[in-house]
Protein backbone atom coordinates (compact mmCIF):
# COMPACT_ATOMS: atom_id res chain seq x y z
CA MET A 1 74.00 131.46 84.95
CA GLY A 2 74.30 129.49 81.75
CA ALA A 3 72.32 126.49 80.87
CA GLN A 4 75.08 124.34 81.28
CA GLU A 5 75.72 125.65 84.89
CA ALA A 6 72.07 125.67 85.75
CA SER A 7 72.00 121.81 85.13
CA LEU A 8 74.76 120.85 87.23
CA PRO A 9 73.16 121.46 90.72
CA ARG A 10 70.15 119.70 89.44
CA ARG A 11 72.05 116.69 88.46
CA PHE A 12 74.08 116.76 91.31
CA ALA A 13 70.92 117.10 93.68
CA ARG A 14 69.40 114.28 91.96
CA LEU A 15 72.61 111.87 92.10
CA THR A 16 72.98 112.92 96.02
CA ALA A 17 69.62 112.00 96.82
CA LEU A 18 69.73 108.84 94.92
CA ASN A 19 73.02 107.88 96.49
CA THR A 20 72.03 108.93 99.97
CA ALA A 21 68.93 106.84 99.95
CA SER A 22 71.03 103.95 98.67
CA ASN A 23 73.98 104.23 101.04
CA LEU A 24 71.89 104.83 104.37
CA THR A 25 70.32 101.51 103.98
CA VAL A 26 73.95 100.30 104.62
CA PRO A 27 74.39 101.55 108.08
CA LEU A 28 70.93 101.24 109.06
CA ALA A 29 71.08 97.65 108.33
CA GLY A 30 74.27 97.42 110.60
CA LEU A 31 72.39 99.50 113.29
CA ALA A 32 69.73 96.82 113.04
CA ASP A 33 72.34 94.19 113.67
CA THR A 34 73.47 96.30 116.76
CA VAL A 35 70.09 96.87 118.13
CA MET A 36 69.17 93.03 118.07
CA LEU A 37 72.71 91.84 119.36
CA GLY A 38 72.57 94.72 121.93
CA ARG A 39 69.46 93.84 123.59
CA LEU A 40 70.28 90.19 124.10
CA ASP A 41 71.44 89.19 127.80
CA ASP A 42 75.06 88.91 126.99
CA VAL A 43 76.94 91.73 125.84
CA ARG A 44 79.82 89.27 124.14
CA PHE A 45 77.55 88.64 121.10
CA LEU A 46 77.77 92.37 120.31
CA ALA A 47 81.10 92.74 121.02
CA GLY A 48 82.12 89.69 119.31
CA VAL A 49 80.51 90.75 116.07
CA ILE A 50 82.31 94.47 116.21
CA LEU A 51 85.40 92.48 116.61
CA ALA A 52 84.89 89.86 113.78
CA ALA A 53 83.58 92.75 111.47
CA LEU A 54 87.11 94.10 111.33
CA ILE A 55 88.33 91.22 109.45
CA PHE A 56 85.53 91.76 106.77
CA ASP A 57 86.53 95.50 106.59
CA TYR A 58 89.80 94.30 105.30
CA LEU A 59 88.65 91.91 102.91
CA TYR A 60 85.76 94.02 101.49
CA PHE A 61 87.15 97.41 102.07
CA GLY A 62 90.49 96.29 100.74
CA CYS A 63 88.24 95.10 97.73
CA ALA A 64 86.61 98.67 97.53
CA PHE A 65 88.57 99.37 94.31
CA LEU A 66 86.20 96.98 92.48
CA ARG A 67 83.49 99.92 93.25
CA MET A 68 85.73 102.96 93.16
CA SER A 69 88.04 102.37 90.06
CA THR A 70 84.83 100.88 87.81
CA THR A 71 82.80 104.17 88.81
CA GLY A 72 85.66 106.49 87.70
CA MET A 73 86.66 104.63 84.46
CA THR A 74 82.95 103.94 83.35
CA ALA A 75 81.98 107.80 83.96
CA GLN A 76 85.22 108.96 81.98
CA SER A 77 84.25 106.54 79.02
CA ARG A 78 80.66 107.90 79.32
CA GLY A 79 81.88 111.41 79.28
CA ARG A 80 83.85 110.37 75.89
CA GLY A 81 80.88 108.72 74.54
CA ASP A 82 82.57 105.15 74.09
CA PRO A 83 79.67 102.32 74.89
CA PHE A 84 82.08 99.33 74.24
CA GLU A 85 84.57 100.48 76.89
CA ILE A 86 81.57 101.13 79.39
CA ALA A 87 80.60 97.35 78.72
CA ALA A 88 84.07 96.33 79.14
CA HIS A 89 84.59 98.03 82.46
CA LEU A 90 81.69 95.94 83.82
CA TYR A 91 83.07 92.44 82.37
CA ARG A 92 86.47 92.87 83.82
CA ALA A 93 85.18 94.45 87.22
CA LEU A 94 82.92 91.11 87.34
CA LEU A 95 85.46 88.76 86.34
CA LEU A 96 88.01 89.87 89.02
CA ALA A 97 85.21 90.06 91.57
CA VAL A 98 84.60 86.07 91.02
CA ILE A 99 88.32 85.22 91.15
CA LEU A 100 88.54 87.19 94.21
CA GLY A 101 85.57 85.73 95.73
CA ALA A 102 86.57 82.10 94.95
CA LEU A 103 89.99 82.92 96.58
CA PHE A 104 88.40 84.32 99.91
CA LEU A 105 86.64 81.02 100.42
CA LEU A 106 89.37 78.72 99.59
CA LEU A 107 91.33 80.74 102.27
CA ARG A 108 88.57 81.26 104.56
CA ASP A 109 90.16 79.28 107.68
CA PRO A 110 93.55 80.59 107.59
CA MET A 111 92.06 84.22 107.19
CA GLY A 112 89.80 83.66 110.20
CA ASP A 113 92.73 82.15 112.29
CA LEU A 114 95.13 85.01 111.38
CA GLY A 115 92.45 87.66 111.79
CA PHE A 116 91.67 86.67 115.52
CA ARG A 117 94.98 86.13 116.47
CA LEU A 118 95.96 89.85 115.61
CA LEU A 119 92.70 91.22 117.27
CA SER A 120 92.55 91.56 121.10
CA GLY A 121 89.44 90.37 122.70
CA GLU A 122 88.10 88.09 125.63
CA PRO A 123 87.77 84.32 124.78
CA ALA A 124 84.17 84.42 125.13
CA VAL A 125 83.86 87.59 122.50
CA GLU A 126 86.41 85.59 120.29
CA GLU A 127 84.26 82.87 120.19
CA ALA A 128 81.17 84.84 119.44
CA GLY A 129 83.18 86.77 116.69
CA ARG A 130 84.38 83.54 115.00
CA SER A 131 81.12 81.93 114.70
CA TYR A 132 79.67 85.24 112.84
CA PHE A 133 82.85 85.07 110.39
CA ASP A 134 82.28 81.61 109.78
CA ALA A 135 78.72 81.99 108.24
CA ARG A 136 79.05 85.62 106.98
CA VAL A 137 82.50 84.50 104.93
CA TRP A 138 80.34 82.57 102.35
CA GLY A 139 78.69 85.67 100.84
CA ALA A 140 82.27 86.98 99.93
CA PRO A 141 81.77 86.19 95.91
CA ALA A 142 78.27 87.92 95.86
CA THR A 143 79.72 90.92 98.15
CA LEU A 144 82.43 91.55 95.65
CA ALA A 145 80.24 91.05 92.62
CA ASN A 146 78.02 93.66 94.25
CA LEU A 147 80.84 96.44 94.49
CA ALA A 148 81.52 95.85 90.95
CA LEU A 149 77.93 96.18 89.69
CA THR A 150 77.37 99.25 92.05
CA GLY A 151 80.41 101.05 90.93
CA TRP A 152 79.21 100.45 87.15
CA PHE A 153 75.68 101.57 87.73
CA LEU A 154 77.13 104.91 89.27
CA GLY A 155 79.48 105.57 86.73
CA ARG A 156 76.67 105.35 84.32
CA ALA A 157 75.07 107.92 86.32
CA GLU A 158 72.26 105.24 87.09
CA ALA A 159 72.22 105.98 90.86
CA GLY A 160 68.58 104.47 91.08
CA ARG A 161 69.66 100.95 90.14
CA ALA A 162 72.69 101.03 92.28
CA LEU A 163 69.86 102.14 95.15
CA VAL A 164 67.67 98.85 94.15
CA VAL A 165 70.83 96.45 94.61
CA VAL A 166 72.04 98.00 97.78
CA ALA A 167 68.55 98.31 99.36
CA ALA A 168 67.87 95.05 98.41
CA ALA A 169 70.77 93.72 100.32
CA ASN A 170 70.34 95.71 103.26
CA LEU A 171 66.43 95.22 103.53
CA ALA A 172 67.04 91.55 103.42
CA ASN A 173 69.69 91.45 105.86
CA VAL A 174 67.38 93.51 108.53
CA ALA A 175 64.64 90.98 108.05
CA LEU A 176 66.90 87.71 108.08
CA ASN A 177 68.69 89.11 111.10
CA TRP A 178 65.33 89.44 113.05
CA TRP A 179 64.58 85.90 112.06
CA PHE A 180 67.63 84.53 112.75
CA ILE A 181 68.80 86.60 115.85
CA ILE A 182 65.59 87.15 117.61
CA HIS A 183 63.13 84.34 116.43
CA LEU A 184 65.63 81.37 116.21
CA GLY A 185 67.93 82.72 118.92
CA TRP A 186 71.41 82.16 116.68
CA ALA A 187 72.91 85.43 118.07
CA ALA A 188 75.98 86.02 116.38
CA HIS A 189 75.95 83.01 114.01
CA GLY A 190 72.67 84.15 112.81
CA ALA A 191 73.84 87.84 111.81
CA GLY A 192 76.50 86.28 109.90
CA ILE A 193 73.96 84.01 107.74
CA ALA A 194 71.54 86.55 107.46
CA THR A 195 74.43 88.98 105.76
CA ALA A 196 75.64 86.20 103.36
CA ALA A 197 72.11 85.23 102.42
CA ALA A 198 71.26 88.95 101.58
CA GLN A 199 74.32 89.66 99.60
CA TRP A 200 73.42 86.74 97.38
CA LEU A 201 70.14 88.17 96.63
CA ALA A 202 71.37 91.38 95.78
CA ALA A 203 73.89 89.83 93.50
CA GLY A 204 71.08 88.14 91.70
CA ILE A 205 69.14 91.52 91.28
CA GLY A 206 72.02 93.60 89.86
CA LEU A 207 73.01 91.41 87.43
CA THR A 208 69.20 90.92 86.26
CA LEU A 209 69.18 94.87 85.91
CA ALA A 210 72.54 94.77 84.09
CA VAL A 211 71.65 92.31 81.38
CA ARG A 212 68.58 94.48 81.02
CA SER A 213 70.89 97.30 79.96
CA ARG A 214 71.21 95.64 76.51
CA LEU A 215 75.26 95.96 76.51
CA PRO A 216 76.99 95.56 73.35
CA ALA A 217 79.21 92.90 72.62
CA VAL A 218 83.02 93.24 73.48
CA SER A 219 85.54 90.92 71.96
CA LEU A 220 88.15 89.17 74.02
CA ARG A 221 91.11 91.14 72.50
CA ARG A 222 89.51 94.42 73.79
CA LEU A 223 88.65 92.87 77.00
CA LEU A 224 92.17 91.88 77.84
CA GLU A 225 93.94 95.06 76.22
CA PRO A 226 97.23 95.22 77.82
CA VAL A 227 97.28 98.90 78.00
CA GLU A 228 93.83 98.96 79.47
CA LEU A 229 95.02 96.18 81.87
CA ARG A 230 98.00 97.95 82.92
CA ARG A 231 96.08 101.04 83.86
CA ILE A 232 93.55 99.38 85.86
CA VAL A 233 96.31 97.41 87.60
CA ALA A 234 97.95 100.47 88.39
CA LEU A 235 95.07 102.49 89.55
CA ASN A 236 93.51 99.39 91.73
CA GLY A 237 96.94 98.74 93.36
CA HIS A 238 96.79 102.26 94.63
CA LEU A 239 93.46 102.04 95.88
CA VAL A 240 94.28 98.75 97.64
CA VAL A 241 96.89 100.45 99.44
CA ARG A 242 95.02 103.75 100.25
CA THR A 243 92.30 101.52 101.69
CA LEU A 244 94.28 99.18 103.81
CA PHE A 245 95.84 102.23 105.24
CA LEU A 246 92.47 103.27 106.32
CA ILE A 247 91.01 100.13 107.34
CA THR A 248 94.45 99.66 109.53
CA ALA A 249 93.84 102.98 111.39
CA PHE A 250 90.04 101.91 112.16
CA ALA A 251 91.35 98.36 113.33
CA ALA A 252 93.89 99.70 115.33
CA PHE A 253 91.55 102.04 117.12
CA THR A 254 89.07 99.39 117.62
CA ASN A 255 91.81 96.81 119.07
CA VAL A 256 92.87 99.75 121.32
CA SER A 257 89.38 100.18 122.61
CA ALA A 258 89.41 96.42 123.31
CA LEU A 259 92.71 96.69 125.30
CA LEU A 260 90.72 99.55 127.66
CA GLY A 261 87.88 96.83 128.34
CA THR A 262 84.84 95.18 126.92
CA ALA A 263 82.72 98.17 127.79
CA ARG A 264 84.91 100.43 126.34
CA LEU A 265 85.31 98.32 123.20
CA ALA A 266 81.21 98.45 122.85
CA ALA A 267 80.75 102.14 123.78
CA ASN A 268 83.56 103.16 121.00
CA GLY A 269 81.74 100.50 118.67
CA LEU A 270 78.63 102.50 119.14
CA ILE A 271 79.91 105.80 118.12
CA LEU A 272 81.86 104.22 115.18
CA ARG A 273 78.61 102.75 114.17
CA LEU A 274 77.05 106.58 114.32
CA LEU A 275 80.35 107.65 112.25
CA GLY A 276 79.43 105.00 109.91
CA VAL A 277 76.23 106.29 109.50
CA ALA A 278 77.22 109.81 109.29
CA SER A 279 79.73 108.42 106.34
CA TYR A 280 77.23 107.02 104.41
CA LEU A 281 75.09 110.05 104.25
CA ILE A 282 78.12 112.07 103.29
CA ASP A 283 78.94 109.72 100.92
CA GLY A 284 75.85 110.47 98.79
CA ALA A 285 77.46 114.01 97.82
CA ALA A 286 80.88 112.35 97.49
CA PHE A 287 79.52 109.47 94.87
CA ALA A 288 77.84 112.24 92.92
CA GLY A 289 80.89 114.33 92.56
CA GLU A 290 82.90 111.12 91.65
CA THR A 291 80.34 110.43 88.86
CA LEU A 292 80.05 113.85 87.59
CA ALA A 293 83.98 114.91 88.00
CA GLY A 294 84.68 111.74 85.90
CA MET A 295 82.34 112.58 83.28
CA ALA A 296 83.61 116.22 83.02
CA TYR A 297 87.11 114.93 82.82
CA GLY A 298 86.15 112.45 80.01
CA ALA A 299 84.38 115.24 78.30
CA GLY A 300 87.42 117.63 78.81
CA ASP A 301 85.48 120.16 80.67
CA ARG A 302 87.83 122.19 82.83
CA ALA A 303 85.17 124.51 84.44
CA GLU A 304 82.89 121.81 85.23
CA ILE A 305 85.12 119.95 87.23
CA ARG A 306 85.77 123.16 89.28
CA ARG A 307 82.05 123.38 89.67
CA VAL A 308 81.73 119.80 90.66
CA LEU A 309 84.34 120.14 93.32
CA PHE A 310 82.88 123.11 94.88
CA LEU A 311 79.52 121.68 94.98
CA THR A 312 80.74 118.11 96.64
CA VAL A 313 82.88 120.18 99.46
CA LEU A 314 79.72 122.17 100.40
CA VAL A 315 76.94 119.45 100.24
CA ALA A 316 79.34 117.32 102.13
CA GLU A 317 79.73 119.64 104.87
CA LEU A 318 75.97 120.44 105.09
CA CYS A 319 75.20 116.75 105.38
CA ALA A 320 77.57 116.53 108.46
CA VAL A 321 76.20 119.38 110.30
CA ALA A 322 72.53 118.02 109.82
CA PHE A 323 73.96 114.88 111.47
CA LEU A 324 75.56 116.21 114.12
CA LEU A 325 72.68 118.27 115.61
CA PRO A 326 70.52 115.22 116.68
CA VAL A 327 73.72 113.19 118.00
CA LEU A 328 74.87 116.12 119.91
CA LEU A 329 71.73 117.17 121.71
CA LEU A 330 70.35 113.76 122.53
CA PRO A 331 73.15 111.44 123.14
CA GLU A 332 71.87 109.26 125.91
CA THR A 333 68.61 108.87 123.94
CA ILE A 334 70.33 107.93 120.78
CA TYR A 335 72.76 105.36 122.26
CA GLY A 336 70.14 103.99 124.52
CA LEU A 337 68.16 103.13 121.35
CA LEU A 338 71.24 101.11 120.33
CA ALA A 339 72.20 99.21 123.41
CA ASN A 340 70.40 98.42 126.74
CA HIS A 341 73.55 98.03 128.76
CA PRO A 342 73.63 101.22 131.04
CA ASN A 343 77.34 101.33 131.43
CA VAL A 344 78.08 101.05 127.72
CA VAL A 345 75.57 103.62 126.88
CA ASP A 346 77.26 106.20 129.80
CA LEU A 347 80.70 105.52 128.04
CA ALA A 348 79.43 106.18 124.76
CA ALA A 349 77.78 109.30 125.70
CA ALA A 350 80.69 110.51 127.94
CA SER A 351 82.90 110.52 124.47
CA ASN A 352 80.15 111.74 122.31
CA LEU A 353 81.67 115.19 121.67
CA TRP A 354 84.49 113.75 119.72
CA LEU A 355 82.30 113.26 116.94
CA LEU A 356 81.97 117.06 116.13
CA PRO A 357 85.86 117.46 115.36
CA VAL A 358 86.15 113.98 113.64
CA LEU A 359 83.08 114.17 111.42
CA LEU A 360 83.35 117.90 110.04
CA LEU A 361 86.89 116.96 109.15
CA ALA A 362 85.82 113.70 107.61
CA ALA A 363 83.25 115.24 105.56
CA LEU A 364 85.97 117.31 103.75
CA ALA A 365 87.93 114.29 103.39
CA TYR A 366 85.18 112.25 101.89
CA ALA A 367 84.30 114.83 99.39
CA LEU A 368 87.73 115.00 98.22
CA ASP A 369 87.86 111.39 98.06
CA GLY A 370 84.98 111.15 95.77
CA PHE A 371 86.56 114.12 93.52
CA TYR A 372 89.86 112.22 93.03
CA LEU A 373 88.21 108.92 92.26
CA GLY A 374 86.30 110.59 89.43
CA LEU A 375 89.57 111.42 88.10
CA THR A 376 91.19 108.13 88.67
CA GLU A 377 93.87 109.70 90.62
CA GLY A 378 94.67 106.68 92.65
CA ARG A 379 98.38 107.59 93.26
CA LEU A 380 97.41 110.89 95.00
CA LEU A 381 94.89 109.02 97.37
CA SER A 382 97.41 106.14 98.60
CA ARG A 383 100.06 108.79 99.13
CA SER A 384 97.93 110.95 101.08
CA MET A 385 96.54 108.07 103.14
CA ALA A 386 100.00 106.86 104.14
CA ILE A 387 101.32 110.41 105.25
CA SER A 388 97.97 110.94 107.27
CA CYS A 389 98.37 107.38 108.94
CA GLY A 390 102.00 108.14 109.52
CA LEU A 391 102.07 111.69 110.83
CA GLY A 392 98.58 112.45 111.88
CA PHE A 393 97.46 109.08 113.36
CA ALA A 394 100.23 106.90 114.60
CA PRO A 395 101.67 109.08 117.39
CA LEU A 396 98.43 110.13 118.91
CA LEU A 397 97.65 106.19 118.98
CA TRP A 398 100.90 105.39 120.63
CA ALA A 399 100.11 107.94 123.23
CA ALA A 400 96.74 106.65 123.84
CA VAL A 401 98.15 103.02 124.64
CA HIS A 402 100.93 104.53 126.62
CA PHE A 403 98.46 106.55 128.81
CA ASP A 404 95.73 104.16 128.54
CA ASP A 405 93.58 107.25 127.66
CA ASN A 406 90.34 106.89 125.53
CA ASN A 407 90.48 110.83 124.94
CA LEU A 408 93.91 110.48 123.50
CA LEU A 409 92.45 107.54 121.34
CA TRP A 410 89.72 109.89 119.89
CA LEU A 411 92.42 112.37 119.36
CA SER A 412 94.25 110.34 117.21
CA MET A 413 91.14 110.04 115.05
CA VAL A 414 90.69 113.42 114.69
CA GLY A 415 94.48 113.62 113.51
CA LEU A 416 93.82 111.13 110.76
CA MET A 417 90.86 113.21 109.33
CA ALA A 418 92.80 116.40 109.83
CA ALA A 419 95.89 115.24 107.80
CA ARG A 420 93.65 113.70 105.28
CA THR A 421 91.84 117.06 104.56
CA VAL A 422 95.27 119.25 104.45
CA THR A 423 96.98 116.56 102.18
CA LEU A 424 94.14 116.23 99.84
CA GLY A 425 93.11 120.02 99.82
CA LEU A 426 96.62 121.25 98.91
CA ALA A 427 96.51 118.69 95.98
CA ALA A 428 93.62 120.06 94.48
CA ARG A 429 94.98 123.19 93.30
CA ARG A 430 96.63 121.46 90.52
CA PHE A 431 93.30 120.24 89.28
CA ILE A 432 90.98 123.38 89.41
CA GLY A 433 93.44 125.74 87.83
CA PRO A 434 93.76 126.92 84.40
CA GLY A 435 96.24 124.08 83.78
CA VAL A 436 94.17 121.01 84.80
CA PRO A 437 94.66 117.96 82.48
CA VAL A 438 91.19 116.80 81.05
CA GLY A 439 90.11 114.04 78.66
CA GLY A 440 93.12 111.69 78.79
CA ARG A 441 94.07 108.56 80.43
CA HIS A 442 96.59 108.31 83.24
């Protein structure tokens, strides 16, 4: 093994470890919300926040391109050794984050009204969810700025700084949740206030770290260069489509869960929480692959691109297996820690085995997602997601509604992950062969 080959596993391991530590603070904070709300006497607060969180999934995951495109483009510029373009990527991303954040605040009432009209929930559940929404929405500009900052730090292979930003947001969220939910008794409304305040704190820390990077000055002309802006718009457009398809699938899954009853909604929500924890663990490898694939692409290194893909897939699957073992062996114990409602825990434990196929397939999909994001292949990602939702997910979801069957509902999630794996896996052949395109902009 040559020196360059030997260095890649070490760089991959370091980035994966830092990314994983950063990522895991996100679902752990979400689990803290769940535990605190789940131990209140009334389950409607937990169910309401689960329902309302879907609206923020659309808003924030729909804007996840601020993180994803910034990482890929910054990594490629770093591979080419272009410090001015590296700085320009941050400035453009932050400008877009501020514009979108202000727009969300202006439209908060109609967005909330539309969201709760589309979702299904009992009146008391929707009331709790709206209370959470009205408080959390004030953190929108900070949340979007944090996406841009995190993406930029990852693109520069500064996962340690990304860890500081994300950990600050989520550790503050846990502490504030305890204060507002448990100590002050503000329930769902307190959870929303805690999340918004924590995001503003993290944004301040992230901006401070970015300023300390001593970025070069970039002219307004270069910042608004038409060719680069068209590239960014095209890439972000595809990533928006890709993300909205994915969030729509999870929203439809949760909405059908609500149709099966409040207890079933809460139970499936607990399983999805664990799936979220696992996805953040796996994304530690996917983000490392994203950064290193982008840098290799920018440097024009075909062999490195192939090695990055192999490492990303391998480590992602190992992370999935490591997560599955305790969850499959001790389901009642784990779900019992998340909620103290026996009927909800029993329903979650009864459906727990569905995590096995869903997560093993999801790990492959997440790894391939990271690889293509590093190559800024937005068109491929959006096309794959559209096909997966249309052919792998929707027919089985319809069957779950028609037959009022929770097992069919979970089978629809298996179908979604399987279709994503197949479509992305087949496309990989043209990027790891001898004719792989490298070093250009597309």
